[in-house]
Amino acid sequence: MKKWVQIVLPVMLFATVLYFCVFAVVFYQSEQTAALLGSGTTVVLDAGHGGEDGGAVAADGTVESGLNLAIARRVRECSVYCEVKPYTTPLADLLAMNPIGFIFTGGPNSVYLEDAPHVDPALFDAGVPVLGICYGCQLIAHHLGGKVVAANDATAREYGKTETFFDTNCKLFKGLPEKSVTWMSHGDYMEKVPEGFSLVAHSDACPNVAICDETRGFYGVQYHPEVNHTEFGTAMIRNFLYEVCGATGDWTMGDYKNTAIAAVREKVGSGRVLLALSGGVDSSVVAALLAEAVGPQLTCVFVDHGLMRLNEGDEVEAAFKKWDINFVRVNAEGRFLSKLAGISDPERKRKIIGEEFIRVFEEESKKIGAVDFLAQGTIYPDVIESGLGNAAVIKSHHNVGGLPDYVDFKEIIEPLRLLFKDEVRQLGRELGLPEYLVSRQPFPGPGLAIRIMGEITKEKADTLRLADAIYREELEKAGENKKMNQYFAVLTDTRTVGVMGDGRSYDRVLALRAVTTEDFMTADWARIPYELLDKISGRIVNEVKGINRIVYDITSKPPATVEWE
């Protein structure tokens, strides 16, 4: 087995969450890591944020908490395994992972304040390279004899894109231009650099943009290399991993697939596994991996609530025909629509659909009987966003949430728990899932229910399904879909007067939505060519009964959200 490289960024969390939650996450994650990755070299990351206060917010809407999770993604993109750990993780536990490097992430705190988060000072004597980013850079300076103070206009308080100058003799900047743009977000300043450190980057306003002690392998940057606004940020992270930490780049989805399959087989043995299959990317990849691992011991329950996109239910079912598994499709359209009759409030729609899904799953579970394992499609951002260490919960991700107590299982299996979404998609391709499933855009659990304004009826669902399919088809034929991250149609509850043929019409308005985004925390509306919008509008009005007007949503996030409800 190849040695895996994990990355650890111990960082500064500031909000509060119940301690037992922290312990459970760390314990289960460690167990999962041992099963999937075996012994290997690791670097540990710390997310640093969570809850209502996510740290600084840039003028473009970028939230600092999101940057910390982005570091892990950048490391993985360099074919190096990484993992996020709270800064409170005991040093002995971190060193037991045999790390090749630590990355300290950013945070909204000031290192000189009494209640600021700190790492165990002994970490600096462990002989492991360290890269500090923003707050992490200041943390290095503070612990090793430097001095950090509040910045003012004269001492380099910097935000946004900044022209920066680099000493390319430093390993961190090897092979890179001497001048490029970085993205800054800091209100503190390194007034004194620790003894033994060199200044290796500066801006017009700040002489201490980057510091290094190459003898000990300690590096600090005041900017954020993990964001796209920093022109050569990923290359800098790559240099740290390969030039400083000695990474070998052996983190691949092919290896992960084989290792995960073997781990699941060992864990399940002769047991039975139950999976609630939504048809989304995460649950579909879990199903495919389990199918490869345990085949007929797996039962997938696919609840078709009648609010999926055109032909999606059939596509999901077809995708799993090649595996010898127990695939149960429950066609429950009538049941769901009757429960939703007369309901217009979006939150009520969500709750009704969620509750009814549980009821249907209950009934099917009774037919199956006791199982040994319940499988979930939990992915790594779910784990981070649900809170690590002292981080408050951004949002609660518990894919079992609400399952009845009597659904009898011994243990939960989460084979995607260590993966980001892009890695999940790649794993799906390695498993042979069709591209229409692997590349599926995020689709809300309630499905079309929250893209139909007002009361939901079969007629409205069928209308939206067809209009949405035409919209998607034309974007894909034109290749415009490759330029955007999510696109869909919304059936409004607004009626307008129109002229169709020789008569007056009074039909519904259809809204089209398309966005570009890096992480869905912020998003911009996609610039679809007018000619293509014209073609889409013409087809929908002519081919879909009940629609006589098309509008295009040109609102970014913020202030809007991606979805309408």
Protein backbone atom coordinates (compact mmCIF):
# COMPACT_ATOMS: atom_id res chain seq x y z
CA MET A 1 0.00 0.00 0.00
CA LYS A 2 1.25 3.47 -0.80
CA LYS A 3 2.01 5.80 2.04
CA TRP A 4 -0.59 8.51 2.27
CA VAL A 5 0.27 12.08 3.03
CA GLN A 6 -2.10 13.86 5.32
CA ILE A 7 -1.89 17.56 6.01
CA VAL A 8 -2.75 19.17 9.31
CA LEU A 9 -3.46 22.79 9.90
CA PRO A 10 -3.84 23.46 13.60
CA VAL A 11 -5.83 26.70 13.77
CA MET A 12 -7.70 29.06 15.82
CA LEU A 13 -11.29 28.40 16.64
CA PHE A 14 -13.28 30.92 18.53
CA ALA A 15 -16.86 29.85 18.88
CA THR A 16 -18.25 27.18 21.20
CA VAL A 17 -19.70 23.73 20.66
CA LEU A 18 -20.38 20.87 23.06
CA TYR A 19 -17.21 19.01 23.95
CA PHE A 20 -18.62 15.54 23.41
CA CYS A 21 -19.30 16.43 19.78
CA VAL A 22 -15.66 17.33 19.33
CA PHE A 23 -14.51 14.08 20.87
CA ALA A 24 -16.83 11.99 18.75
CA VAL A 25 -15.73 13.63 15.52
CA VAL A 26 -12.05 13.27 16.27
CA PHE A 27 -12.41 9.67 17.44
CA TYR A 28 -14.44 8.49 14.49
CA GLN A 29 -12.28 10.37 12.02
CA SER A 30 -9.17 8.77 13.40
CA GLU A 31 -10.76 5.35 13.14
CA GLN A 32 -11.84 6.01 9.57
CA THR A 33 -8.38 7.25 8.65
CA ALA A 34 -6.76 4.14 10.05
CA ALA A 35 -9.13 1.91 8.06
CA LEU A 36 -8.82 3.71 4.75
CA LEU A 37 -5.30 4.99 4.69
CA GLY A 38 -3.28 2.63 6.85
CA SER A 39 0.01 3.89 8.22
CA GLY A 40 1.45 6.80 6.38
CA THR A 41 2.77 10.29 6.48
CA THR A 42 0.25 12.93 7.47
CA VAL A 43 -0.04 16.65 7.68
CA VAL A 44 -2.94 17.96 9.77
CA LEU A 45 -5.17 20.94 8.97
CA ASP A 46 -7.41 22.92 11.27
CA ALA A 47 -10.54 24.63 9.87
CA GLY A 48 -10.46 27.41 12.40
CA HIS A 49 -13.95 28.79 12.04
CA GLY A 50 -17.60 28.01 12.29
CA GLY A 51 -20.90 29.40 13.47
CA GLU A 52 -22.38 32.83 12.98
CA ASP A 53 -19.02 34.60 13.11
CA GLY A 54 -16.96 33.30 10.24
CA GLY A 55 -14.25 35.91 10.53
CA ALA A 56 -13.52 38.75 8.15
CA VAL A 57 -15.66 39.32 5.07
CA ALA A 58 -14.03 40.79 1.99
CA ALA A 59 -15.59 43.35 -0.28
CA ASP A 60 -16.40 40.58 -2.78
CA GLY A 61 -18.24 38.61 -0.11
CA THR A 62 -15.51 36.03 0.57
CA VAL A 63 -15.78 34.81 4.16
CA GLU A 64 -12.53 34.02 5.99
CA SER A 65 -13.85 30.75 7.42
CA GLY A 66 -14.29 29.44 3.90
CA LEU A 67 -10.67 30.15 3.10
CA ASN A 68 -9.46 27.71 5.72
CA LEU A 69 -11.36 24.81 4.22
CA ALA A 70 -10.02 25.87 0.82
CA ILE A 71 -6.47 25.22 2.04
CA ALA A 72 -7.24 21.53 2.41
CA ARG A 73 -8.63 21.43 -1.11
CA ARG A 74 -5.52 23.08 -2.54
CA VAL A 75 -3.30 20.54 -0.80
CA ARG A 76 -5.37 17.65 -2.14
CA GLU A 77 -5.16 19.18 -5.64
CA CYS A 78 -1.39 18.79 -5.30
CA SER A 79 -1.91 14.99 -4.91
CA VAL A 80 -1.07 15.16 -1.22
CA TYR A 81 -3.51 13.83 1.36
CA CYS A 82 -4.52 16.29 4.06
CA GLU A 83 -6.81 16.32 7.04
CA VAL A 84 -8.31 19.06 9.19
CA LYS A 85 -7.79 18.91 12.94
CA PRO A 86 -8.69 21.37 15.71
CA TYR A 87 -5.87 23.37 17.23
CA THR A 88 -6.88 21.80 20.55
CA THR A 89 -5.86 18.32 19.37
CA PRO A 90 -3.12 17.06 21.74
CA LEU A 91 0.29 17.26 20.16
CA ALA A 92 0.90 13.58 20.88
CA ASP A 93 -2.14 12.71 18.75
CA LEU A 94 -0.92 14.91 15.90
CA LEU A 95 2.57 13.43 15.98
CA ALA A 96 1.11 9.92 16.07
CA MET A 97 -0.14 10.67 12.53
CA ASN A 98 3.51 10.98 11.43
CA PRO A 99 2.99 14.39 9.80
CA ILE A 100 5.26 15.72 7.09
CA GLY A 101 4.08 19.28 7.76
CA PHE A 102 1.69 21.56 9.60
CA ILE A 103 -0.24 24.44 8.08
CA PHE A 104 -1.66 27.06 10.45
CA THR A 105 -4.73 28.66 8.92
CA GLY A 106 -6.13 32.16 9.14
CA GLY A 107 -8.58 33.43 11.73
CA PRO A 108 -10.27 36.59 12.99
CA ASN A 109 -8.39 36.77 16.30
CA SER A 110 -5.35 38.76 17.41
CA VAL A 111 -2.54 36.56 18.73
CA TYR A 112 -1.56 39.05 21.44
CA LEU A 113 -4.94 38.96 23.19
CA GLU A 114 -5.33 36.81 26.30
CA ASP A 115 -8.13 34.64 24.93
CA ALA A 116 -6.63 34.14 21.45
CA PRO A 117 -6.28 30.55 20.21
CA HIS A 118 -2.79 29.05 20.40
CA VAL A 119 -1.06 25.80 19.55
CA ASP A 120 1.12 23.80 21.91
CA PRO A 121 4.52 25.57 21.83
CA ALA A 122 6.20 22.15 21.82
CA LEU A 123 4.95 21.74 18.25
CA PHE A 124 7.80 23.99 17.11
CA ASP A 125 10.33 21.54 18.59
CA ALA A 126 8.87 18.50 16.82
CA GLY A 127 11.11 18.81 13.76
CA VAL A 128 8.12 19.14 11.41
CA PRO A 129 7.94 21.98 8.83
CA VAL A 130 5.29 24.65 9.41
CA LEU A 131 3.52 27.02 7.03
CA GLY A 132 1.52 29.80 8.68
CA ILE A 133 -1.14 31.68 6.70
CA CYS A 134 -2.38 35.12 7.85
CA TYR A 135 -3.20 34.57 11.56
CA GLY A 136 -1.05 31.44 11.31
CA CYS A 137 1.91 33.56 10.22
CA GLN A 138 1.41 35.91 13.16
CA LEU A 139 1.07 32.90 15.46
CA ILE A 140 4.53 31.69 14.41
CA ALA A 141 5.99 35.14 15.04
CA HIS A 142 4.28 35.46 18.43
CA HIS A 143 5.42 32.05 19.71
CA LEU A 144 9.03 32.35 18.50
CA GLY A 145 9.95 35.73 19.94
CA GLY A 146 8.53 38.20 17.45
CA LYS A 147 5.93 40.86 18.19
CA VAL A 148 2.51 41.34 16.61
CA VAL A 149 0.54 44.55 17.10
CA ALA A 150 -2.60 46.15 15.74
CA ALA A 151 -1.96 47.69 12.35
CA ASN A 152 -2.82 51.19 11.31
CA ASP A 153 -2.64 53.04 8.03
CA ALA A 154 1.09 53.48 8.49
CA THR A 155 1.81 49.84 9.37
CA ALA A 156 0.10 47.94 6.65
CA ARG A 157 -3.50 47.18 7.33
CA GLU A 158 -4.25 45.53 3.99
CA TYR A 159 -7.35 44.06 2.35
CA GLY A 160 -7.89 42.73 -1.14
CA LYS A 161 -5.61 42.29 -4.13
CA THR A 162 -2.10 43.58 -3.45
CA GLU A 163 1.00 43.79 -5.64
CA THR A 164 3.67 41.77 -3.82
CA PHE A 165 7.41 41.31 -4.32
CA PHE A 166 9.16 37.98 -3.59
CA ASP A 167 12.65 36.67 -2.87
CA THR A 168 12.67 33.71 -5.23
CA ASN A 169 15.72 32.22 -3.51
CA CYS A 170 13.28 31.13 -0.80
CA LYS A 171 12.00 27.56 -1.36
CA LEU A 172 8.42 28.73 -0.97
CA PHE A 173 8.73 30.91 -4.09
CA LYS A 174 11.03 28.70 -6.15
CA GLY A 175 10.38 29.01 -9.88
CA LEU A 176 7.84 31.82 -9.45
CA PRO A 177 7.89 35.43 -10.69
CA GLU A 178 9.52 38.05 -8.50
CA LYS A 179 6.33 40.14 -8.60
CA SER A 180 2.69 39.05 -8.58
CA VAL A 181 -0.69 39.77 -6.96
CA THR A 182 -1.68 38.32 -3.57
CA TRP A 183 -4.93 38.57 -1.64
CA MET A 184 -4.63 40.23 1.78
CA SER A 185 -7.02 40.30 4.72
CA HIS A 186 -5.29 41.34 7.92
CA GLY A 187 -5.65 44.03 10.55
CA ASP A 188 -2.53 43.12 12.60
CA TYR A 189 1.13 43.65 11.80
CA MET A 190 4.40 41.85 12.63
CA GLU A 191 6.27 44.73 14.27
CA LYS A 192 9.21 42.45 15.15
CA VAL A 193 10.22 39.35 13.22
CA PRO A 194 11.58 36.42 15.31
CA GLU A 195 15.32 35.87 15.49
CA GLY A 196 16.61 33.57 12.75
CA PHE A 197 13.86 34.55 10.30
CA SER A 198 14.40 36.34 7.01
CA LEU A 199 12.03 38.70 5.23
CA VAL A 200 11.25 37.09 1.87
CA ALA A 201 8.31 39.12 0.55
CA HIS A 202 6.99 42.65 0.84
CA SER A 203 4.40 45.02 -0.55
CA ASP A 204 4.52 48.78 -0.94
CA ALA A 205 2.70 49.14 2.39
CA CYS A 206 4.14 46.22 4.36
CA PRO A 207 7.76 45.07 4.66
CA ASN A 208 6.79 41.81 6.41
CA VAL A 209 4.55 40.04 3.92
CA ALA A 210 6.41 36.73 4.23
CA ILE A 211 9.03 35.36 6.62
CA CYS A 212 11.05 32.17 6.71
CA ASP A 213 13.56 30.19 8.76
CA GLU A 214 14.64 27.64 6.19
CA THR A 215 16.95 25.86 8.61
CA ARG A 216 13.97 24.78 10.72
CA GLY A 217 11.47 24.71 7.85
CA PHE A 218 9.24 27.49 9.22
CA TYR A 219 7.42 29.76 6.77
CA GLY A 220 4.80 32.45 7.25
CA VAL A 221 2.79 34.46 4.70
CA GLN A 222 0.54 37.36 5.56
CA TYR A 223 -1.70 36.84 2.52
CA HIS A 224 -3.99 33.95 1.51
CA PRO A 225 -2.37 31.63 -1.08
CA GLU A 226 -5.41 29.33 -1.11
CA VAL A 227 -7.67 31.79 -2.97
CA ASN A 228 -7.76 32.33 -6.71
CA HIS A 229 -7.05 36.05 -6.24
CA THR A 230 -3.47 35.13 -5.27
CA GLU A 231 -1.96 34.51 -8.67
CA PHE A 232 0.54 31.76 -7.80
CA GLY A 233 -0.95 30.66 -4.50
CA THR A 234 -1.37 26.97 -5.32
CA ALA A 235 2.20 26.86 -6.67
CA MET A 236 3.42 28.26 -3.32
CA ILE A 237 1.52 25.58 -1.41
CA ARG A 238 2.93 22.98 -3.79
CA ASN A 239 6.45 24.25 -3.11
CA PHE A 240 5.89 23.92 0.62
CA LEU A 241 4.65 20.36 0.20
CA TYR A 242 7.31 19.13 -2.23
CA GLU A 243 10.36 21.38 -1.68
CA VAL A 244 10.07 21.65 2.10
CA CYS A 245 8.02 18.69 3.36
CA GLY A 246 9.26 16.14 0.84
CA ALA A 247 5.81 15.03 -0.34
CA THR A 248 5.70 12.32 -3.00
CA GLY A 249 2.27 13.03 -4.50
CA ASP A 250 0.75 9.58 -4.06
CA TRP A 251 -2.79 10.65 -3.18
CA THR A 252 -4.98 9.39 -6.06
CA MET A 253 -8.61 8.37 -6.34
CA GLY A 254 -7.64 5.07 -7.93
CA ASP A 255 -5.66 4.09 -4.86
CA TYR A 256 -8.35 5.44 -2.57
CA LYS A 257 -11.00 3.36 -4.35
CA ASN A 258 -9.07 0.11 -3.91
CA THR A 259 -8.22 0.85 -0.30
CA ALA A 260 -11.78 1.91 0.58
CA ILE A 261 -13.30 -1.20 -1.03
CA ALA A 262 -10.92 -3.44 0.92
CA ALA A 263 -11.70 -1.59 4.17
CA VAL A 264 -15.47 -1.89 3.67
CA ARG A 265 -15.20 -5.62 2.90
CA GLU A 266 -13.19 -6.17 6.06
CA LYS A 267 -15.60 -4.18 8.21
CA VAL A 268 -18.84 -5.58 6.79
CA GLY A 269 -17.74 -9.20 6.57
CA SER A 270 -20.92 -11.24 6.07
CA GLY A 271 -23.15 -8.43 7.36
CA ARG A 272 -25.94 -6.54 5.59
CA VAL A 273 -25.81 -2.87 4.59
CA LEU A 274 -28.71 -0.44 4.05
CA LEU A 275 -28.41 2.81 2.08
CA ALA A 276 -31.03 5.49 1.47
CA LEU A 277 -30.17 6.41 -2.13
CA SER A 278 -31.24 9.94 -3.11
CA GLY A 279 -29.74 9.86 -6.58
CA GLY A 280 -27.39 12.72 -5.74
CA VAL A 281 -23.66 12.50 -6.37
CA ASP A 282 -22.65 11.56 -2.81
CA SER A 283 -25.18 8.79 -2.21
CA SER A 284 -24.70 7.42 -5.74
CA VAL A 285 -20.93 7.14 -5.28
CA VAL A 286 -21.40 5.48 -1.89
CA ALA A 287 -23.80 3.00 -3.49
CA ALA A 288 -21.33 2.22 -6.29
CA LEU A 289 -18.43 1.74 -3.87
CA LEU A 290 -20.50 -0.53 -1.60
CA ALA A 291 -21.74 -2.45 -4.62
CA GLU A 292 -18.14 -3.17 -5.59
CA ALA A 293 -17.27 -4.09 -2.01
CA VAL A 294 -20.17 -6.26 -0.83
CA GLY A 295 -22.57 -6.66 -3.78
CA PRO A 296 -25.75 -8.55 -2.80
CA GLN A 297 -25.23 -7.71 0.88
CA LEU A 298 -26.23 -4.12 0.00
CA THR A 299 -29.82 -2.89 -0.18
CA CYS A 300 -30.39 0.54 -1.74
CA VAL A 301 -33.76 2.16 -1.13
CA PHE A 302 -34.46 4.84 -3.72
CA VAL A 303 -37.52 6.94 -2.86
CA ASP A 304 -38.81 8.73 -5.97
CA HIS A 305 -41.00 11.51 -4.58
CA GLY A 306 -42.10 12.69 -8.01
CA LEU A 307 -40.20 15.96 -7.69
CA MET A 308 -37.07 15.00 -9.57
CA ARG A 309 -35.97 16.38 -12.91
CA LEU A 310 -37.00 14.84 -16.23
CA ASN A 311 -36.11 11.12 -16.45
CA GLU A 312 -33.87 11.32 -13.37
CA GLY A 313 -35.50 8.46 -11.53
CA ASP A 314 -35.05 6.15 -14.50
CA GLU A 315 -31.44 7.30 -14.95
CA VAL A 316 -30.58 6.52 -11.34
CA GLU A 317 -32.14 3.07 -11.54
CA ALA A 318 -30.39 2.31 -14.84
CA ALA A 319 -27.00 3.31 -13.43
CA PHE A 320 -27.06 0.50 -10.87
CA LYS A 321 -28.31 -2.34 -13.04
CA LYS A 322 -24.77 -3.58 -13.68
CA TRP A 323 -24.23 -4.40 -9.99
CA ASP A 324 -25.66 -7.40 -8.16
CA ILE A 325 -27.37 -5.46 -5.38
CA ASN A 326 -30.85 -5.23 -3.92
CA PHE A 327 -32.22 -2.08 -5.53
CA VAL A 328 -35.63 -0.98 -4.24
CA ARG A 329 -37.34 1.86 -6.06
CA VAL A 330 -40.39 3.31 -4.37
CA ASN A 331 -42.54 5.39 -6.73
CA ALA A 332 -44.31 7.66 -4.27
CA GLU A 333 -45.29 10.69 -6.36
CA GLY A 334 -48.99 10.57 -5.50
CA ARG A 335 -48.28 10.13 -1.81
CA PHE A 336 -45.96 13.16 -1.63
CA LEU A 337 -48.17 15.41 -3.75
CA SER A 338 -51.20 14.67 -1.59
CA LYS A 339 -49.25 15.67 1.53
CA LEU A 340 -48.13 18.89 -0.18
CA ALA A 341 -51.58 19.89 -1.41
CA GLY A 342 -52.43 23.47 -0.44
CA ILE A 343 -48.96 24.17 1.05
CA SER A 344 -47.13 27.28 -0.18
CA ASP A 345 -44.63 28.04 2.60
CA PRO A 346 -41.17 26.75 1.55
CA GLU A 347 -40.18 25.62 5.04
CA ARG A 348 -43.38 23.64 5.41
CA LYS A 349 -42.70 22.04 2.03
CA ARG A 350 -39.22 21.00 3.19
CA LYS A 351 -40.49 19.56 6.47
CA ILE A 352 -43.36 17.67 4.86
CA ILE A 353 -41.07 16.12 2.25
CA GLY A 354 -38.45 15.23 4.87
CA GLU A 355 -40.99 13.66 7.19
CA GLU A 356 -42.72 11.75 4.43
CA PHE A 357 -39.39 10.45 3.16
CA ILE A 358 -38.80 9.02 6.63
CA ARG A 359 -42.21 7.37 6.66
CA VAL A 360 -41.61 5.73 3.29
CA PHE A 361 -38.15 4.62 4.36
CA GLU A 362 -39.66 3.20 7.56
CA GLU A 363 -42.07 1.07 5.62
CA GLU A 364 -39.38 -0.25 3.29
CA SER A 365 -37.00 -0.89 6.18
CA LYS A 366 -39.62 -3.06 7.90
CA LYS A 367 -39.74 -5.26 4.80
CA ILE A 368 -35.95 -5.60 4.79
CA GLY A 369 -35.61 -6.37 8.49
CA ALA A 370 -32.57 -5.84 10.67
CA VAL A 371 -29.33 -4.76 9.01
CA ASP A 372 -25.85 -4.58 10.40
CA PHE A 373 -24.71 -1.31 8.87
CA LEU A 374 -26.33 1.91 7.72
CA ALA A 375 -24.38 3.69 4.97
CA GLN A 376 -24.27 7.47 4.54
CA GLY A 377 -22.88 9.85 1.95
CA THR A 378 -21.23 12.20 4.46
CA ILE A 379 -18.32 14.09 2.86
CA TYR A 380 -15.47 16.06 4.38
CA PRO A 381 -17.01 19.57 4.21
CA ASP A 382 -20.03 18.12 6.08
CA VAL A 383 -17.70 17.06 8.87
CA ILE A 384 -15.96 20.42 9.03
CA GLU A 385 -19.14 22.48 8.81
CA SER A 386 -20.74 20.46 11.58
CA GLY A 387 -18.06 21.67 13.94
CA LEU A 388 -14.57 20.64 14.97
CA GLY A 389 -12.86 21.53 18.19
CA ASN A 390 -14.26 24.79 19.52
CA ALA A 391 -15.78 25.71 16.20
CA ALA A 392 -19.47 26.37 16.27
CA VAL A 393 -21.70 24.55 13.87
CA ILE A 394 -22.12 26.28 10.52
CA LYS A 395 -24.93 23.92 9.67
CA SER A 396 -25.80 20.53 11.00
CA HIS A 397 -25.02 17.73 8.57
CA HIS A 398 -26.38 14.41 9.74
CA ASN A 399 -27.54 12.37 6.83
CA VAL A 400 -29.38 9.95 9.05
CA GLY A 401 -31.16 12.78 10.77
CA GLY A 402 -34.67 11.80 11.73
CA LEU A 403 -34.47 8.10 10.91
CA PRO A 404 -36.75 6.10 13.20
CA ASP A 405 -35.22 4.54 16.28
CA TYR A 406 -36.24 1.04 15.36
CA VAL A 407 -34.22 0.98 12.12
CA ASP A 408 -31.87 -1.55 13.59
CA PHE A 409 -28.18 -1.27 12.73
CA LYS A 410 -24.93 -1.76 14.61
CA GLU A 411 -22.76 0.86 13.00
CA ILE A 412 -22.68 3.66 10.42
CA ILE A 413 -20.41 3.38 7.37
CA GLU A 414 -19.24 6.65 5.78
CA PRO A 415 -16.67 5.79 3.10
CA LEU A 416 -16.61 9.35 1.67
CA ARG A 417 -16.01 11.02 5.01
CA LEU A 418 -12.47 12.08 4.08
CA LEU A 419 -13.26 13.42 0.59
CA PHE A 420 -14.17 16.78 -0.91
CA LYS A 421 -16.91 17.04 -3.53
CA ASP A 422 -14.53 17.14 -6.50
CA GLU A 423 -12.77 14.04 -5.13
CA VAL A 424 -16.14 12.29 -4.75
CA ARG A 425 -16.89 12.97 -8.42
CA GLN A 426 -13.50 11.58 -9.44
CA LEU A 427 -14.08 8.49 -7.30
CA GLY A 428 -17.42 8.01 -9.06
CA ARG A 429 -15.63 7.99 -12.40
CA GLU A 430 -13.11 5.47 -11.07
CA LEU A 431 -16.06 3.27 -10.07
CA GLY A 432 -17.59 3.46 -13.54
CA LEU A 433 -20.65 5.56 -12.76
CA PRO A 434 -22.11 7.35 -15.81
CA GLU A 435 -21.11 10.97 -16.25
CA TYR A 436 -24.71 12.21 -15.94
CA LEU A 437 -24.65 11.05 -12.31
CA VAL A 438 -21.06 11.95 -11.50
CA SER A 439 -21.30 15.50 -12.84
CA ARG A 440 -24.79 16.15 -11.47
CA GLN A 441 -25.17 19.62 -10.09
CA PRO A 442 -26.23 20.13 -6.50
CA PHE A 443 -29.91 19.27 -6.33
CA PRO A 444 -31.90 20.05 -3.19
CA GLY A 445 -33.41 17.17 -1.23
CA PRO A 446 -36.95 18.53 -1.69
CA GLY A 447 -36.21 18.60 -5.42
CA LEU A 448 -38.46 20.70 -7.62
CA ALA A 449 -40.67 21.50 -4.63
CA ILE A 450 -38.52 24.53 -3.80
CA ARG A 451 -38.33 25.60 -7.43
CA ILE A 452 -42.10 25.76 -7.70
CA MET A 453 -43.38 28.93 -6.07
CA GLY A 454 -46.66 28.57 -4.20
CA GLU A 455 -48.71 25.39 -4.04
CA ILE A 456 -47.28 22.25 -5.66
CA THR A 457 -49.40 20.27 -8.09
CA LYS A 458 -48.58 17.52 -10.55
CA GLU A 459 -49.40 19.87 -13.41
CA LYS A 460 -46.92 22.48 -12.15
CA ALA A 461 -44.25 19.82 -11.50
CA ASP A 462 -44.64 18.40 -15.02
CA THR A 463 -44.53 21.90 -16.52
CA LEU A 464 -41.34 22.78 -14.68
CA ARG A 465 -39.73 19.43 -15.47
CA LEU A 466 -40.16 19.96 -19.21
CA ALA A 467 -39.11 23.62 -19.18
CA ASP A 468 -36.06 22.86 -17.06
CA ALA A 469 -35.06 20.02 -19.41
CA ILE A 470 -35.22 22.34 -22.45
CA TYR A 471 -33.15 24.98 -20.65
CA ARG A 472 -30.51 22.45 -19.65
CA GLU A 473 -30.45 20.83 -23.08
CA GLU A 474 -29.80 24.09 -24.91
CA LEU A 475 -27.09 25.20 -22.47
CA GLU A 476 -25.36 21.86 -22.86
CA LYS A 477 -25.66 21.82 -26.67
CA ALA A 478 -24.06 25.27 -26.78
CA GLY A 479 -21.32 24.26 -24.33
CA GLU A 480 -22.27 27.10 -22.00
CA ASN A 481 -22.92 24.69 -19.14
CA LYS A 482 -19.14 24.21 -18.83
CA LYS A 483 -18.81 27.87 -17.88
CA MET A 484 -21.25 27.70 -14.97
CA ASN A 485 -21.64 25.74 -11.76
CA GLN A 486 -25.41 25.50 -11.43
CA TYR A 487 -28.34 26.25 -13.70
CA PHE A 488 -32.05 25.55 -13.39
CA ALA A 489 -35.55 26.87 -14.03
CA VAL A 490 -38.01 28.18 -11.46
CA LEU A 491 -41.78 28.16 -11.98
CA THR A 492 -43.11 31.32 -10.40
CA ASP A 493 -46.62 31.80 -9.08
CA THR A 494 -46.99 34.96 -11.14
CA ARG A 495 -49.32 35.05 -14.15
CA THR A 496 -49.03 37.60 -16.94
CA VAL A 497 -51.02 38.51 -20.03
CA GLY A 498 -49.62 37.30 -23.32
CA VAL A 499 -50.56 36.89 -26.95
CA MET A 500 -50.16 33.40 -28.30
CA GLY A 501 -51.42 32.62 -31.76
CA ASP A 502 -54.55 34.62 -32.34
CA GLY A 503 -55.64 34.71 -28.74
CA ARG A 504 -54.95 36.18 -25.35
CA SER A 505 -53.16 34.08 -22.78
CA TYR A 506 -52.85 34.42 -19.05
CA ASP A 507 -50.11 32.01 -18.04
CA ARG A 508 -47.18 31.64 -15.68
CA VAL A 509 -43.79 33.32 -15.67
CA LEU A 510 -40.74 31.04 -15.78
CA ALA A 511 -37.48 32.28 -14.28
CA LEU A 512 -34.09 30.98 -15.45
CA ARG A 513 -31.15 30.89 -13.05
CA ALA A 514 -27.46 30.21 -13.76
CA VAL A 515 -24.47 31.00 -11.54
CA THR A 516 -20.71 30.72 -11.45
CA THR A 517 -18.99 30.07 -8.14
CA GLU A 518 -15.90 28.57 -6.52
CA ASP A 519 -17.51 27.29 -3.36
CA PHE A 520 -21.22 28.29 -3.38
CA MET A 521 -20.59 30.65 -0.46
CA THR A 522 -20.65 33.47 -2.99
CA ALA A 523 -21.86 33.31 -6.57
CA ASP A 524 -22.19 35.52 -9.63
CA TRP A 525 -24.89 35.26 -12.27
CA ALA A 526 -23.69 33.64 -15.49
CA ARG A 527 -23.45 35.77 -18.66
CA ILE A 528 -25.43 33.64 -21.11
CA PRO A 529 -25.28 34.99 -24.69
CA TYR A 530 -28.44 36.86 -25.71
CA GLU A 531 -28.85 34.71 -28.81
CA LEU A 532 -28.91 31.56 -26.69
CA LEU A 533 -31.38 33.06 -24.21
CA ASP A 534 -33.58 33.96 -27.15
CA LYS A 535 -33.48 30.38 -28.45
CA ILE A 536 -34.24 28.95 -25.00
CA SER A 537 -37.13 31.36 -24.50
CA GLY A 538 -38.63 30.53 -27.89
CA ARG A 539 -38.48 26.79 -27.33
CA ILE A 540 -40.00 26.88 -23.85
CA VAL A 541 -42.88 29.20 -24.79
CA ASN A 542 -43.68 27.11 -27.87
CA GLU A 543 -43.18 23.64 -26.38
CA VAL A 544 -44.35 23.97 -22.77
CA LYS A 545 -48.01 24.56 -22.14
CA GLY A 546 -48.85 27.10 -19.45
CA ILE A 547 -45.83 29.45 -19.80
CA ASN A 548 -45.98 32.69 -21.75
CA ARG A 549 -43.12 34.73 -20.32
CA ILE A 550 -39.42 34.01 -19.53
CA VAL A 551 -37.22 36.09 -17.22
CA TYR A 552 -33.53 35.67 -16.39
CA ASP A 553 -32.28 36.14 -12.82
CA ILE A 554 -29.24 38.45 -12.78
CA THR A 555 -28.82 38.63 -9.00
CA SER A 556 -25.54 37.56 -7.41
CA LYS A 557 -25.04 35.89 -4.03
CA PRO A 558 -25.08 37.89 -1.83
CA PRO A 559 -27.64 39.47 -1.65
CA ALA A 560 -29.61 36.59 -3.17
CA THR A 561 -29.13 32.88 -2.62
CA VAL A 562 -28.51 30.39 -5.41
CA GLU A 563 -31.92 28.77 -4.95
CA TRP A 564 -35.11 30.81 -4.80
CA GLU A 565 -36.53 29.09 -1.73
